[in-house]
Structure formats: structure tokens, C-alpha cells
Amino acid sequence: MGRKEDAARKAKAKAKAASKKDSKLEEHLDKIAKDEMMKGPGCKRSAVLETAVVTGVLASQEQARDVKIEQFSVSVYGKEFIADTRLELNFGRRYGLIGNNGSGKSTMLAAIAAREIPIPDHIDMWFLDSEAKPEEVTAVEAVVQVVANEHARLTELSQKLLEEDAEKNMDYIAEIGDKLDRMDPSTFEARACELLHGLGFLPAMMAKHTKDMSGGWRMRVALAQALFVEPSLLLLDEPTNHLDLGACVWLEEYLKTYPNTLLFTSHSEDFMNGVCTNIMQLTLKGTLVTWGGNYAQYMQTRTELEKNQMTSSKKNRMISNTSKTSSVPAGHMPTCESKLNPDRKSLTRWWRQASQRCQFLIPPTGLLFLTLKKYHLQCWHLIMCLSPTLDEERIISTKGLIWVWTWTRVWLSWDQMELASRHF
């Protein structure tokens, strides 16, 4: 009997442990489902991400509205576009993303929108990279429908969470309430018409079905949808591509007062100058560098920085060359860099020491007849530096020797020159 009781107790313990594991798994899956519902319709996965590898570590607080990602990397088919860098998006800032064509800007926006990196769930996003669907709905209805569906979805979700467990789901319910407070169904249509009018729609175009519109006009409808939702993080990929001048000016004026975080790409310098508070540069090395100010301020700051770096590098090079010239050992020729900043005293000292070693009987300036190709230019440079200190007879006395040795092109070492000088 004792064995049977022990076996029964073990079986009950195993069943209890398994039920606990199942309950924990169900809670985890339920939390994931709720988080997915909280993200909303603006979060979507682009096809390019099917072959991409994206990594990153959240460095900011989970509850913060700022997003800071460390060790951010993006690679596609093994090619690394973004390499172990830092992504920082501060709430209320408007970032213009710049970089070479094909450097991975659009892929980066798609990775952020699909939450391939750990962005907190309470930050809702909208990624605009394609036009609205061609359907049998008017432009106004297409815009209103997005917000109306979102309002209905959030209302239903809030009711469901209240019925399920109000105390346990308090954080979700409070967040949903904040979103619903910003939505007033009575103003949906008027707000949609205002946005469409700013983007160039006339009343006749507003009443037109999206299936009868071109891709450019459907792109404007999609842009109006994104502006109407007003997410915490708005991602725009070339928003001005399908807009005329008037619509670009209106969009620039609208976005310069956008209350939340904005990250976009554009080839229009004027648009970036009017909208951006910061410029985010994707460098050739795959790093992200953030500059303060709009595009014009970024260009000015970068130009001044490069100019200062060039000046500093030139000064360091000249100091290095001067130290090399002043430390030339006796009987050795100064290096080619010494021509950049000659030191008359050090060159005169070298001249006399070299003359003594070669045992020349001619004036010190006689070393000008050296025609070794390695030393030819230095010799002429030295005579030009020293000639003001010589009289005319000494300069003329060297001309014959210079002419003879120049035409013979003899390649002699210092020891051979010592022997040759004894024949003069």
C-alpha cells in the first residue's frame, strides 16, 4: 500500500506542476496577444525584412517616451548596412534621415516599424511607404474609416479588458483611455476634409473613389490617414515624392508643429530645412550620427568641422617636418618633406658638415653639382635659401661644376664623391 500511495502522490505533484506550466504559458501568450492588439494597424512588416537580420538592445526605460537602442545592426543577404551603432529618438524631435542612395535608409525605417528592435509597446507607430488601397470608397471615407476603425477597435478592446480583469489590466485600460480621449467621432469628417484639402484635393476629388485615382493621389490619401492618426512615432519614406509645390509647402508647415516624434527621409533640402530639428546621418561606415539643427545648419557645422580638422592636420604635419629637418645627422641629406618649411640655420649647419666630410676645396655652395635624382630638387632648394648670404663670385664659381655633373648624370655615393672630388 505504501508504494501505491507514493506513486499517487508523485503523479499528483507532476500533474500540478504541469498545470502551473500550462497556466504560465497561457498568461504569456495572452500578454503577447494583448500587446499585439495595443500596437494598432500602423505596424506592418515589409517584404525586404524577410531576408534581413536586425539586432538591437533597448537602453532606455521601458515606460519612457524616448527610444534609445544600443548595438543596432541591419544586414541583408550578409551585407551589413548598419553596423553596431546607437539609435536615439527623443520624444518631440523631428529627425531627417540622410545617406547615400542604397545605404539602407528605407530598410531601417521598415525594421523600426515592424518592431524588429525592442521598441516599447506603448509607443504606437505608423509607417507610410505605400499608397492607399484602390477600393470603392471615397477619399474622405478612406481617411475617416481608418480612424473610425481604430476608435472602434480600442473601445471594444477596453470593454473586453474590463470584463476580463479590470485590476489586472489597469495599465492597458489607462493607455487605451488616453488614446480614445484624443479621438472625437463627431469631428472625423471635418478633420479628414481639412487634411485632404491641404494635400491638394478639391471637393470633386474628395468624392472620387480611390480605385479611380492614380498612384500619386492614393499616396496623398495614405498620407492624410497617417496624419489623422497622429501616432507617437511617425515614419515617412519620401513623403514629398507625389506632391506638387503647394502640397509640399502645406505639408512642411503642418509637420513643423508635429507634437510627437517624427523620422523621415527626403531628397528636398528645403523641406528638411523647414521641418527638421535634427539630422540623422547614415555614414558610409554604417553608423548613425545625429546633428542638431536643420539641413542647412548640418552642412555649415560639418563644413566647419572638416575645415578645422584639415587645418589641425596641416599644422601637425608642418611641426613634424620641422622636427625632422632640425634632427638631420651630419653628412645626410634632409628628407623631401623639409622643402615644405625650410629652416635656414639648420640647413646651413648641415651644409658645412657635409662639405667637411666630402673634403671639397670649393666654396660651401659647391654641393649644388650633386645630380642624384633623389637629391636633385633638395640641392636647388638649398642654394635658393643660401644664395642671399653668398657673394656673386662664389655663386658663379659653382656654375661650371653644376653644368658638368648635370649632363653626365653620374650616380655616385658619398664615398665615391669623396674620391672624385680629389681630381678637381
Protein backbone atom coordinates (compact mmCIF):
# COMPACT_ATOMS: atom_id res chain seq x y z
CA MET A 1 0.00 0.00 0.00
CA GLY A 2 2.85 2.38 0.80
CA ARG A 3 4.27 2.11 -2.70
CA LYS A 4 0.90 2.81 -4.30
CA GLU A 5 0.39 5.92 -2.14
CA ASP A 6 3.86 7.25 -3.03
CA ALA A 7 3.18 6.72 -6.71
CA ALA A 8 -0.17 8.51 -6.43
CA ARG A 9 1.42 11.49 -4.64
CA LYS A 10 4.14 11.73 -7.32
CA ALA A 11 1.53 11.61 -10.08
CA LYS A 12 -0.47 14.41 -8.42
CA ALA A 13 2.68 16.53 -8.00
CA LYS A 14 3.58 16.07 -11.66
CA ALA A 15 0.07 16.97 -12.76
CA LYS A 16 0.10 20.07 -10.55
CA ALA A 17 3.49 21.20 -11.92
CA ALA A 18 2.29 20.64 -15.48
CA SER A 19 -0.86 22.68 -14.83
CA LYS A 20 1.26 25.53 -13.43
CA LYS A 21 3.45 25.49 -16.53
CA ASP A 22 0.37 25.50 -18.74
CA SER A 23 -1.14 28.42 -16.85
CA LYS A 24 2.12 30.41 -17.10
CA LEU A 25 2.29 29.68 -20.82
CA GLU A 26 -1.31 30.78 -21.28
CA GLU A 27 -0.63 34.02 -19.38
CA HIS A 28 2.42 34.68 -21.53
CA LEU A 29 0.52 34.05 -24.77
CA ASP A 30 -2.36 36.19 -23.52
CA LYS A 31 0.03 39.06 -22.77
CA ILE A 32 1.55 38.77 -26.26
CA ALA A 33 -1.93 38.87 -27.83
CA LYS A 34 -2.86 41.97 -25.83
CA ASP A 35 0.37 43.71 -26.76
CA GLU A 36 -0.30 42.96 -30.43
CA MET A 37 -3.78 44.45 -30.11
CA MET A 38 -2.33 47.57 -28.50
CA LYS A 39 0.07 48.17 -31.39
CA GLY A 40 -2.67 49.06 -33.84
CA PRO A 41 -2.87 48.84 -37.65
CA GLY A 42 0.08 51.12 -38.35
CA CYS A 43 2.61 48.39 -37.54
CA LYS A 44 3.36 46.26 -40.59
CA ARG A 45 6.19 44.14 -41.94
CA SER A 46 7.75 44.97 -45.30
CA ALA A 47 8.88 42.27 -47.73
CA VAL A 48 12.52 43.43 -47.53
CA LEU A 49 12.67 42.24 -43.92
CA GLU A 50 12.17 38.62 -44.96
CA THR A 51 15.87 38.47 -45.90
CA ALA A 52 17.13 40.96 -43.29
CA VAL A 53 18.80 40.35 -39.95
CA VAL A 54 18.11 43.12 -37.42
CA THR A 55 19.52 43.30 -33.90
CA GLY A 56 19.43 45.85 -31.10
CA VAL A 57 19.23 46.27 -27.34
CA LEU A 58 16.84 48.65 -25.58
CA ALA A 59 18.87 51.13 -23.49
CA SER A 60 16.05 53.48 -22.40
CA GLN A 61 13.44 52.94 -19.71
CA GLU A 62 10.52 50.71 -20.66
CA GLN A 63 7.99 53.40 -19.69
CA ALA A 64 9.86 56.31 -21.32
CA ARG A 65 8.65 58.04 -24.47
CA ASP A 66 12.25 58.38 -25.72
CA VAL A 67 13.68 55.42 -27.63
CA LYS A 68 17.37 54.52 -27.26
CA ILE A 69 18.69 51.38 -28.94
CA GLU A 70 22.27 50.19 -28.46
CA GLN A 71 24.17 47.78 -30.75
CA PHE A 72 21.76 48.47 -33.60
CA SER A 73 22.67 46.49 -36.74
CA VAL A 74 20.90 45.74 -40.02
CA SER A 75 22.16 43.35 -42.70
CA VAL A 76 20.51 41.94 -45.83
CA TYR A 77 21.86 38.82 -47.54
CA GLY A 78 25.00 39.13 -45.45
CA LYS A 79 25.68 42.75 -46.47
CA GLU A 80 25.82 44.99 -43.42
CA PHE A 81 24.09 48.35 -43.91
CA ILE A 82 24.06 49.46 -40.27
CA ALA A 83 26.86 48.21 -38.03
CA ASP A 84 26.69 48.14 -34.22
CA THR A 85 25.61 51.75 -33.76
CA ARG A 86 23.29 53.74 -31.48
CA LEU A 87 19.76 54.77 -32.46
CA GLU A 88 18.26 57.56 -30.38
CA LEU A 89 14.80 59.07 -30.95
CA ASN A 90 13.80 61.69 -28.38
CA PHE A 91 10.13 62.49 -28.00
CA GLY A 92 9.01 65.68 -29.74
CA ARG A 93 12.00 65.78 -32.09
CA ARG A 94 11.74 65.70 -35.88
CA TYR A 95 14.58 63.76 -37.48
CA GLY A 96 15.60 63.90 -41.14
CA LEU A 97 17.37 60.69 -42.13
CA ILE A 98 20.06 61.23 -44.80
CA GLY A 99 22.57 58.95 -46.51
CA ASN A 100 23.72 57.73 -49.90
CA ASN A 101 21.25 56.01 -52.22
CA GLY A 102 21.14 52.31 -51.40
CA SER A 103 22.69 52.80 -47.96
CA GLY A 104 19.72 51.17 -46.17
CA LYS A 105 17.54 54.11 -45.07
CA SER A 106 14.23 52.56 -46.18
CA THR A 107 15.21 49.19 -44.71
CA MET A 108 15.98 50.88 -41.41
CA LEU A 109 12.55 52.58 -41.33
CA ALA A 110 10.85 49.26 -42.17
CA ALA A 111 12.76 47.48 -39.38
CA ILE A 112 11.69 50.08 -36.83
CA ALA A 113 8.05 49.97 -37.98
CA ALA A 114 7.95 46.16 -37.76
CA ARG A 115 9.43 46.30 -34.24
CA GLU A 116 12.40 44.18 -35.23
CA ILE A 117 14.18 46.05 -32.46
CA PRO A 118 12.77 46.19 -28.89
CA ILE A 119 10.66 49.36 -29.02
CA PRO A 120 8.27 49.62 -26.04
CA ASP A 121 4.71 48.51 -26.82
CA HIS A 122 3.12 51.70 -25.53
CA ILE A 123 4.74 53.64 -28.43
CA ASP A 124 2.32 53.32 -31.33
CA MET A 125 3.79 53.80 -34.82
CA TRP A 126 2.64 54.44 -38.36
CA PHE A 127 4.89 53.68 -41.33
CA LEU A 128 3.98 55.35 -44.62
CA ASP A 129 5.73 53.72 -47.57
CA SER A 130 2.89 52.88 -49.98
CA GLU A 131 -0.35 54.35 -51.29
CA ALA A 132 -3.88 53.65 -50.07
CA LYS A 133 -5.67 50.59 -51.44
CA PRO A 134 -7.82 51.04 -54.59
CA GLU A 135 -11.33 50.46 -53.26
CA GLU A 136 -14.90 51.62 -53.85
CA VAL A 137 -14.70 54.26 -51.14
CA THR A 138 -14.20 58.00 -51.46
CA ALA A 139 -11.06 59.77 -50.31
CA VAL A 140 -12.88 61.20 -47.28
CA GLU A 141 -14.33 57.81 -46.36
CA ALA A 142 -10.90 56.16 -46.72
CA VAL A 143 -9.40 58.62 -44.23
CA VAL A 144 -12.31 58.58 -41.80
CA GLN A 145 -12.57 54.81 -41.96
CA VAL A 146 -9.03 54.31 -40.65
CA VAL A 147 -9.62 56.43 -37.55
CA ALA A 148 -13.17 55.15 -37.05
CA ASN A 149 -11.93 51.54 -37.18
CA GLU A 150 -9.16 52.38 -34.73
CA HIS A 151 -11.67 54.07 -32.40
CA ALA A 152 -14.00 51.08 -32.56
CA ARG A 153 -11.14 48.63 -32.03
CA LEU A 154 -9.87 50.46 -28.96
CA THR A 155 -13.39 50.78 -27.49
CA GLU A 156 -14.03 47.07 -27.93
CA LEU A 157 -10.62 46.17 -26.50
CA SER A 158 -11.19 48.39 -23.47
CA GLN A 159 -14.54 46.77 -22.78
CA LYS A 160 -13.05 43.31 -23.14
CA LEU A 161 -10.23 44.06 -20.71
CA LEU A 162 -12.68 45.50 -18.15
CA GLU A 163 -14.85 42.37 -18.27
CA GLU A 164 -11.83 40.08 -18.08
CA ASP A 165 -9.99 41.53 -15.07
CA ALA A 166 -10.09 45.29 -14.52
CA GLU A 167 -7.44 45.33 -11.81
CA LYS A 168 -5.01 43.14 -13.67
CA ASN A 169 -5.41 45.05 -16.95
CA MET A 170 -5.36 48.51 -15.40
CA ASP A 171 -2.25 49.66 -17.32
CA TYR A 172 -3.72 48.66 -20.69
CA ILE A 173 -7.06 50.28 -19.90
CA ALA A 174 -5.41 53.58 -18.91
CA GLU A 175 -3.37 53.66 -22.11
CA ILE A 176 -6.43 52.95 -24.25
CA GLY A 177 -8.34 55.69 -22.44
CA ASP A 178 -5.64 58.22 -23.31
CA LYS A 179 -5.89 57.29 -26.99
CA LEU A 180 -9.68 57.47 -27.02
CA ASP A 181 -9.62 60.91 -25.41
CA ARG A 182 -7.73 62.22 -28.43
CA MET A 183 -10.42 60.90 -30.80
CA ASP A 184 -13.75 62.65 -31.21
CA PRO A 185 -16.01 60.85 -33.74
CA SER A 186 -18.08 64.00 -34.31
CA THR A 187 -15.06 65.75 -35.87
CA PHE A 188 -13.78 62.88 -38.00
CA GLU A 189 -15.20 64.01 -41.35
CA ALA A 190 -14.34 67.70 -40.93
CA ARG A 191 -10.80 66.81 -39.90
CA ALA A 192 -10.39 64.45 -42.87
CA CYS A 193 -11.59 67.12 -45.34
CA GLU A 194 -9.14 69.63 -43.83
CA LEU A 195 -6.19 67.28 -44.32
CA LEU A 196 -7.20 66.32 -47.87
CA HIS A 197 -7.72 69.95 -48.85
CA GLY A 198 -4.24 70.81 -47.61
CA LEU A 199 -2.80 67.98 -49.74
CA GLY A 200 -4.41 69.40 -52.90
CA PHE A 201 -7.82 67.70 -53.04
CA LEU A 202 -10.74 69.68 -54.46
CA PRO A 203 -14.30 68.78 -53.35
CA ALA A 204 -14.83 66.77 -56.56
CA MET A 205 -11.66 64.75 -55.93
CA MET A 206 -12.66 64.10 -52.32
CA ALA A 207 -15.86 62.44 -53.55
CA LYS A 208 -13.98 60.26 -56.04
CA HIS A 209 -13.38 56.56 -55.35
CA THR A 210 -9.79 55.57 -54.60
CA LYS A 211 -9.94 52.84 -57.27
CA ASP A 212 -10.36 55.59 -59.88
CA MET A 213 -7.34 57.56 -58.63
CA SER A 214 -3.75 57.38 -59.79
CA GLY A 215 -0.98 56.12 -57.52
CA GLY A 216 0.08 59.67 -56.69
CA TRP A 217 -3.37 60.70 -55.45
CA ARG A 218 -3.79 57.47 -53.48
CA MET A 219 -0.42 58.24 -51.86
CA ARG A 220 -1.89 61.56 -50.71
CA VAL A 221 -4.84 59.69 -49.21
CA ALA A 222 -2.43 57.41 -47.32
CA LEU A 223 -0.54 60.47 -46.08
CA ALA A 224 -3.79 62.01 -44.82
CA GLN A 225 -4.55 58.77 -42.97
CA ALA A 226 -1.16 58.84 -41.23
CA LEU A 227 -1.54 62.50 -40.23
CA PHE A 228 -5.07 61.89 -38.94
CA VAL A 229 -3.99 59.01 -36.67
CA GLU A 230 -1.12 61.14 -35.25
CA PRO A 231 0.93 58.25 -33.79
CA SER A 232 3.62 58.60 -31.13
CA LEU A 233 6.25 57.75 -33.76
CA LEU A 234 5.53 58.69 -37.38
CA LEU A 235 7.80 57.15 -40.05
CA LEU A 236 7.67 58.65 -43.55
CA ASP A 237 9.63 57.39 -46.55
CA GLU A 238 9.91 60.18 -49.16
CA PRO A 239 6.56 61.86 -48.34
CA THR A 240 7.01 64.64 -50.93
CA ASN A 241 7.58 62.38 -53.95
CA HIS A 242 3.99 62.61 -55.23
CA LEU A 243 3.18 66.14 -54.10
CA ASP A 244 3.10 69.37 -56.08
CA LEU A 245 4.67 72.57 -54.79
CA GLY A 246 1.55 73.79 -52.97
CA ALA A 247 1.04 70.46 -51.19
CA CYS A 248 4.74 70.32 -50.24
CA VAL A 249 4.52 73.78 -48.67
CA TRP A 250 1.37 72.82 -46.76
CA LEU A 251 2.90 69.54 -45.52
CA GLU A 252 6.06 71.37 -44.44
CA GLU A 253 4.02 73.85 -42.40
CA TYR A 254 1.96 71.03 -40.88
CA LEU A 255 4.89 68.80 -39.89
CA LYS A 256 6.97 71.60 -38.38
CA THR A 257 4.46 71.65 -35.50
CA TYR A 258 4.04 67.85 -35.22
CA PRO A 259 3.70 67.20 -31.47
CA ASN A 260 5.21 63.69 -31.36
CA THR A 261 8.35 62.03 -32.73
CA LEU A 262 8.93 62.16 -36.50
CA LEU A 263 11.53 60.27 -38.56
CA PHE A 264 11.52 60.67 -42.35
CA THR A 265 13.64 60.57 -45.49
CA SER A 266 13.53 63.19 -48.24
CA HIS A 267 15.64 64.45 -51.14
CA SER A 268 14.32 68.00 -50.70
CA GLU A 269 16.73 70.25 -48.83
CA ASP A 270 14.10 73.00 -48.47
CA PHE A 271 11.64 70.53 -46.93
CA MET A 272 14.25 69.34 -44.42
CA ASN A 273 15.22 72.91 -43.58
CA GLY A 274 11.60 73.72 -42.73
CA VAL A 275 10.72 70.56 -40.77
CA CYS A 276 13.80 69.11 -39.07
CA THR A 277 15.02 69.80 -35.57
CA ASN A 278 17.79 67.20 -36.03
CA ILE A 279 19.60 65.48 -38.89
CA MET A 280 20.39 61.77 -38.57
CA GLN A 281 23.23 60.80 -40.91
CA LEU A 282 23.77 57.19 -42.01
CA THR A 283 27.50 57.19 -42.77
CA LEU A 284 29.46 55.04 -45.21
CA LYS A 285 30.75 53.05 -42.23
CA GLY A 286 27.18 52.10 -41.28
CA THR A 287 26.98 54.28 -38.18
CA LEU A 288 24.29 56.80 -37.21
CA VAL A 289 25.45 60.33 -36.35
CA THR A 290 22.89 62.86 -35.07
CA TRP A 291 23.43 66.57 -35.73
CA GLY A 292 21.47 69.42 -34.17
CA GLY A 293 19.50 71.79 -36.39
CA ASN A 294 18.06 71.54 -39.89
CA TYR A 295 19.86 70.51 -43.08
CA ALA A 296 21.46 73.93 -43.75
CA GLN A 297 22.83 74.05 -40.19
CA TYR A 298 24.10 70.50 -40.56
CA MET A 299 26.01 71.39 -43.74
CA GLN A 300 27.51 74.50 -42.12
CA THR A 301 28.58 72.62 -38.98
CA ARG A 302 30.03 69.74 -40.93
CA THR A 303 31.95 72.03 -43.31
CA GLU A 304 33.46 73.98 -40.42
CA LEU A 305 34.38 70.75 -38.63
CA GLU A 306 36.13 69.33 -41.70
CA LYS A 307 37.94 72.63 -42.27
CA ASN A 308 39.19 72.68 -38.68
CA GLN A 309 40.33 69.08 -38.96
CA MET A 310 42.27 69.83 -42.16
CA THR A 311 43.92 72.89 -40.58
CA SER A 312 44.88 70.92 -37.48
CA SER A 313 46.26 68.08 -39.60
CA LYS A 314 48.33 70.52 -41.69
CA LYS A 315 49.79 72.17 -38.60
CA ASN A 316 50.72 68.80 -37.10
CA ARG A 317 52.38 67.78 -40.36
CA MET A 318 54.41 71.01 -40.53
CA ILE A 319 55.54 70.62 -36.90
CA SER A 320 56.57 67.05 -37.63
CA ASN A 321 58.51 68.14 -40.73
CA THR A 322 60.32 70.90 -38.80
CA SER A 323 61.42 68.45 -36.11
CA LYS A 324 62.69 66.05 -38.78
CA THR A 325 64.71 68.81 -40.50
CA SER A 326 66.32 70.02 -37.29
CA SER A 327 67.44 66.50 -36.38
CA VAL A 328 69.20 65.56 -39.66
CA PRO A 329 72.53 63.80 -38.80
CA ALA A 330 75.87 65.02 -40.19
CA GLY A 331 76.53 64.03 -43.77
CA HIS A 332 72.96 63.00 -44.55
CA MET A 333 70.58 64.71 -46.89
CA PRO A 334 67.35 66.16 -45.45
CA THR A 335 64.12 64.41 -46.43
CA CYS A 336 61.80 65.66 -49.16
CA GLU A 337 59.27 66.91 -46.58
CA SER A 338 61.81 69.52 -45.39
CA LYS A 339 61.14 71.53 -48.55
CA LEU A 340 57.73 72.46 -47.16
CA ASN A 341 59.15 74.52 -44.30
CA PRO A 342 62.95 75.04 -44.56
CA ASP A 343 64.96 76.16 -41.57
CA ARG A 344 67.93 78.28 -42.80
CA LYS A 345 70.12 77.80 -39.71
CA SER A 346 69.73 74.02 -39.66
CA LEU A 347 70.31 73.79 -43.42
CA THR A 348 73.45 75.96 -43.19
CA ARG A 349 74.79 73.77 -40.40
CA TRP A 350 74.14 70.64 -42.44
CA TRP A 351 75.82 72.26 -45.47
CA ARG A 352 79.07 72.94 -43.63
CA GLN A 353 79.17 69.48 -42.05
CA ALA A 354 78.61 67.80 -45.42
CA SER A 355 81.32 69.94 -47.04
CA GLN A 356 83.86 68.92 -44.40
CA ARG A 357 83.04 65.23 -44.84
CA CYS A 358 83.42 65.34 -48.62
CA GLN A 359 86.64 67.40 -48.28
CA PHE A 360 85.70 69.84 -51.02
CA LEU A 361 88.16 72.63 -51.83
CA ILE A 362 85.47 74.75 -53.46
CA PRO A 363 83.11 77.13 -51.63
CA PRO A 364 80.36 75.52 -49.46
CA THR A 365 77.83 76.08 -52.24
CA GLY A 366 79.74 73.60 -54.42
CA LEU A 367 77.45 70.78 -53.29
CA LEU A 368 74.91 72.06 -55.81
CA PHE A 369 76.51 69.92 -58.53
CA LEU A 370 75.04 66.77 -56.90
CA THR A 371 72.73 65.26 -59.51
CA LEU A 372 71.49 62.18 -57.83
CA LYS A 373 67.78 62.17 -58.68
CA LYS A 374 66.88 61.63 -55.07
CA TYR A 375 68.75 64.83 -54.05
CA HIS A 376 68.42 66.99 -57.15
CA LEU A 377 65.45 69.09 -56.01
CA GLN A 378 66.80 69.47 -52.48
CA CYS A 379 70.10 70.88 -53.80
CA TRP A 380 68.36 73.55 -55.83
CA HIS A 381 66.15 74.40 -52.87
CA LEU A 382 69.19 74.80 -50.61
CA ILE A 383 71.08 77.09 -52.99
CA MET A 384 67.98 79.30 -53.26
CA CYS A 385 67.83 79.50 -49.46
CA LEU A 386 71.56 80.21 -49.03
CA SER A 387 72.36 82.33 -52.10
CA PRO A 388 71.35 85.64 -50.42
CA THR A 389 74.26 85.10 -47.98
CA LEU A 390 76.90 84.48 -50.74
CA ASP A 391 78.76 86.95 -52.92
CA GLU A 392 78.48 86.86 -56.70
CA GLU A 393 81.95 85.29 -57.33
CA ARG A 394 81.20 82.22 -55.20
CA ILE A 395 77.86 81.63 -56.95
CA ILE A 396 79.46 81.98 -60.43
CA SER A 397 82.32 79.62 -59.48
CA THR A 398 79.86 76.76 -58.99
CA LYS A 399 78.07 77.06 -62.35
CA GLY A 400 80.63 75.07 -64.34
CA LEU A 401 80.61 72.17 -61.94
CA ILE A 402 76.79 72.17 -61.81
CA TRP A 403 76.60 72.08 -65.63
CA VAL A 404 79.13 69.22 -65.99
CA TRP A 405 77.60 66.99 -63.34
CA THR A 406 74.03 67.68 -64.56
CA TRP A 407 74.76 66.46 -68.10
CA THR A 408 76.83 63.42 -67.09
CA ARG A 409 74.04 62.19 -64.72
CA VAL A 410 76.52 60.24 -62.58
CA TRP A 411 75.00 58.21 -59.77
CA LEU A 412 77.58 58.39 -57.00
CA SER A 413 77.52 57.51 -53.35
CA TRP A 414 79.05 59.79 -50.73
CA ASP A 415 82.25 57.69 -50.60
CA GLN A 416 82.64 57.83 -54.41
CA MET A 417 82.17 61.60 -54.31
CA GLU A 418 84.99 61.91 -51.79
CA LEU A 419 87.31 60.13 -54.26
CA ALA A 420 86.08 62.07 -57.23
CA SER A 421 86.49 65.41 -55.51
CA ARG A 422 90.28 64.81 -55.20
CA HIS A 423 90.64 65.01 -59.02
CA PHE A 424 89.36 68.61 -59.20
